[in-house]
């Protein structure tokens, strides 16, 4: 049985020279793969947020309000056009 207070035997280890890929070159310029991944992540987040908002009751209410506002705007524009034609 080993004593828990006794230090373990040291392990032989190597120092790895290859740094962890950061998405940047040595000159500090982002790589194409890094930029593409960032864009894809932001796009996926945006699409997901939009889908969630559209599925919520509040999102549907906003859509209905926008449709009503658009209809009112079209009706007002048609009214202005009729008045300009002298109808």
C-alpha atoms as a PDB file:
ATOM      1  CA  UNK A   1       0.000   0.000   0.000  1.00  0.00           C
ATOM      2  CA  UNK A   2       1.331   3.442  -0.900  1.00  0.00           C
ATOM      3  CA  UNK A   3       1.274   6.410   1.403  1.00  0.00           C
ATOM      4  CA  UNK A   4      -0.962   9.215  -0.056  1.00  0.00           C
ATOM      5  CA  UNK A   5       1.426  11.821   1.352  1.00  0.00           C
ATOM      6  CA  UNK A   6       4.382  10.324  -0.478  1.00  0.00           C
ATOM      7  CA  UNK A   7       5.090  11.915  -3.883  1.00  0.00           C
ATOM      8  CA  UNK A   8       4.617   9.776  -6.976  1.00  0.00           C
ATOM      9  CA  UNK A   9       7.470   8.689  -9.162  1.00  0.00           C
ATOM     10  CA  UNK A  10       8.341  11.327 -11.779  1.00  0.00           C
ATOM     11  CA  UNK A  11       7.183  10.637 -15.333  1.00  0.00           C
ATOM     12  CA  UNK A  12       9.439  10.897 -18.330  1.00  0.00           C
ATOM     13  CA  UNK A  13       7.961  13.530 -20.643  1.00  0.00           C
ATOM     14  CA  UNK A  14       8.974  15.323 -23.789  1.00  0.00           C
ATOM     15  CA  UNK A  15       8.501  18.977 -24.598  1.00  0.00           C
ATOM     16  CA  UNK A  16       6.386  19.279 -27.697  1.00  0.00           C
ATOM     17  CA  UNK A  17       7.660  21.966 -30.033  1.00  0.00           C
ATOM     18  CA  UNK A  18       4.504  22.303 -32.163  1.00  0.00           C
ATOM     19  CA  UNK A  19       2.291  24.995 -30.666  1.00  0.00           C
ATOM     20  CA  UNK A  20      -1.433  24.507 -30.413  1.00  0.00           C
ATOM     21  CA  UNK A  21      -3.038  25.881 -33.584  1.00  0.00           C
ATOM     22  CA  UNK A  22      -4.529  29.285 -32.809  1.00  0.00           C
ATOM     23  CA  UNK A  23      -5.890  30.165 -36.231  1.00  0.00           C
ATOM     24  CA  UNK A  24      -3.213  32.810 -36.767  1.00  0.00           C
ATOM     25  CA  UNK A  25       0.056  32.751 -38.641  1.00  0.00           C
ATOM     26  CA  UNK A  26       3.354  33.680 -36.995  1.00  0.00           C
ATOM     27  CA  UNK A  27       2.854  37.170 -38.427  1.00  0.00           C
ATOM     28  CA  UNK A  28      -0.472  37.480 -36.588  1.00  0.00           C
ATOM     29  CA  UNK A  29      -2.675  37.128 -39.666  1.00  0.00           C
ATOM     30  CA  UNK A  30      -5.772  34.921 -39.283  1.00  0.00           C
ATOM     31  CA  UNK A  31      -5.787  31.821 -41.459  1.00  0.00           C
ATOM     32  CA  UNK A  32      -8.478  31.208 -44.053  1.00  0.00           C
ATOM     33  CA  UNK A  33      -9.782  28.182 -42.136  1.00  0.00           C
ATOM     34  CA  UNK A  34     -10.060  30.232 -38.938  1.00  0.00           C
ATOM     35  CA  UNK A  35     -11.966  33.033 -40.672  1.00  0.00           C
ATOM     36  CA  UNK A  36     -14.275  30.561 -42.423  1.00  0.00           C
ATOM     37  CA  UNK A  37     -15.013  28.785 -39.138  1.00  0.00           C
ATOM     38  CA  UNK A  38     -15.809  32.099 -37.433  1.00  0.00           C
ATOM     39  CA  UNK A  39     -18.185  33.105 -40.231  1.00  0.00           C
ATOM     40  CA  UNK A  40     -19.900  29.708 -40.210  1.00  0.00           C
ATOM     41  CA  UNK A  41     -20.306  29.834 -36.419  1.00  0.00           C
ATOM     42  CA  UNK A  42     -21.807  33.329 -36.521  1.00  0.00           C
ATOM     43  CA  UNK A  43     -24.139  32.353 -39.354  1.00  0.00           C
ATOM     44  CA  UNK A  44     -25.312  29.230 -37.520  1.00  0.00           C
ATOM     45  CA  UNK A  45     -25.897  31.246 -34.345  1.00  0.00           C
ATOM     46  CA  UNK A  46     -27.870  33.841 -36.277  1.00  0.00           C
ATOM     47  CA  UNK A  47     -30.020  31.237 -38.031  1.00  0.00           C
ATOM     48  CA  UNK A  48     -30.706  29.463 -34.744  1.00  0.00           C
ATOM     49  CA  UNK A  49     -31.642  32.686 -32.968  1.00  0.00           C
ATOM     50  CA  UNK A  50     -33.987  33.628 -35.803  1.00  0.00           C
ATOM     51  CA  UNK A  51     -35.667  30.222 -35.732  1.00  0.00           C
ATOM     52  CA  UNK A  52     -36.163  30.447 -31.982  1.00  0.00           C
ATOM     53  CA  UNK A  53     -37.573  33.963 -32.219  1.00  0.00           C
ATOM     54  CA  UNK A  54     -39.960  32.987 -35.018  1.00  0.00           C
ATOM     55  CA  UNK A  55     -41.264  30.002 -33.058  1.00  0.00           C
ATOM     56  CA  UNK A  56     -42.018  31.965 -29.902  1.00  0.00           C
ATOM     57  CA  UNK A  57     -45.391  33.557 -29.227  1.00  0.00           C
ATOM     58  CA  UNK A  58     -43.732  36.958 -28.972  1.00  0.00           C
ATOM     59  CA  UNK A  59     -42.057  36.425 -32.350  1.00  0.00           C
ATOM     60  CA  UNK A  60     -45.367  35.594 -33.992  1.00  0.00           C
ATOM     61  CA  UNK A  61     -46.938  38.696 -32.425  1.00  0.00           C
ATOM     62  CA  UNK A  62     -44.149  40.869 -33.846  1.00  0.00           C
ATOM     63  CA  UNK A  63     -44.707  39.314 -37.283  1.00  0.00           C
ATOM     64  CA  UNK A  64     -48.427  40.103 -37.053  1.00  0.00           C
ATOM     65  CA  UNK A  65     -47.692  43.693 -36.016  1.00  0.00           C
ATOM     66  CA  UNK A  66     -45.304  44.117 -38.930  1.00  0.00           C
ATOM     67  CA  UNK A  67     -47.878  42.716 -41.367  1.00  0.00           C
ATOM     68  CA  UNK A  68     -50.518  45.126 -40.035  1.00  0.00           C
ATOM     69  CA  UNK A  69     -48.086  48.050 -40.254  1.00  0.00           C
ATOM     70  CA  UNK A  70     -47.129  47.118 -43.833  1.00  0.00           C
ATOM     71  CA  UNK A  71     -50.796  46.882 -44.828  1.00  0.00           C
ATOM     72  CA  UNK A  72     -51.542  50.255 -43.234  1.00  0.00           C
ATOM     73  CA  UNK A  73     -48.583  51.768 -45.107  1.00  0.00           C
ATOM     74  CA  UNK A  74     -49.750  50.353 -48.441  1.00  0.00           C
ATOM     75  CA  UNK A  75     -53.295  51.596 -47.795  1.00  0.00           C
ATOM     76  CA  UNK A  76     -52.031  55.100 -46.949  1.00  0.00           C
ATOM     77  CA  UNK A  77     -49.835  55.160 -50.058  1.00  0.00           C
ATOM     78  CA  UNK A  78     -52.788  54.142 -52.215  1.00  0.00           C
ATOM     79  CA  UNK A  79     -54.885  56.879 -50.598  1.00  0.00           C
ATOM     80  CA  UNK A  80     -52.204  59.481 -51.399  1.00  0.00           C
ATOM     81  CA  UNK A  81     -51.981  58.266 -55.006  1.00  0.00           C
ATOM     82  CA  UNK A  82     -55.761  58.486 -55.446  1.00  0.00           C
ATOM     83  CA  UNK A  83     -55.814  62.028 -54.051  1.00  0.00           C
ATOM     84  CA  UNK A  84     -53.023  63.066 -56.424  1.00  0.00           C
ATOM     85  CA  UNK A  85     -54.962  61.653 -59.400  1.00  0.00           C
ATOM     86  CA  UNK A  86     -58.031  63.604 -58.280  1.00  0.00           C
ATOM     87  CA  UNK A  87     -60.181  60.594 -57.507  1.00  0.00           C
END
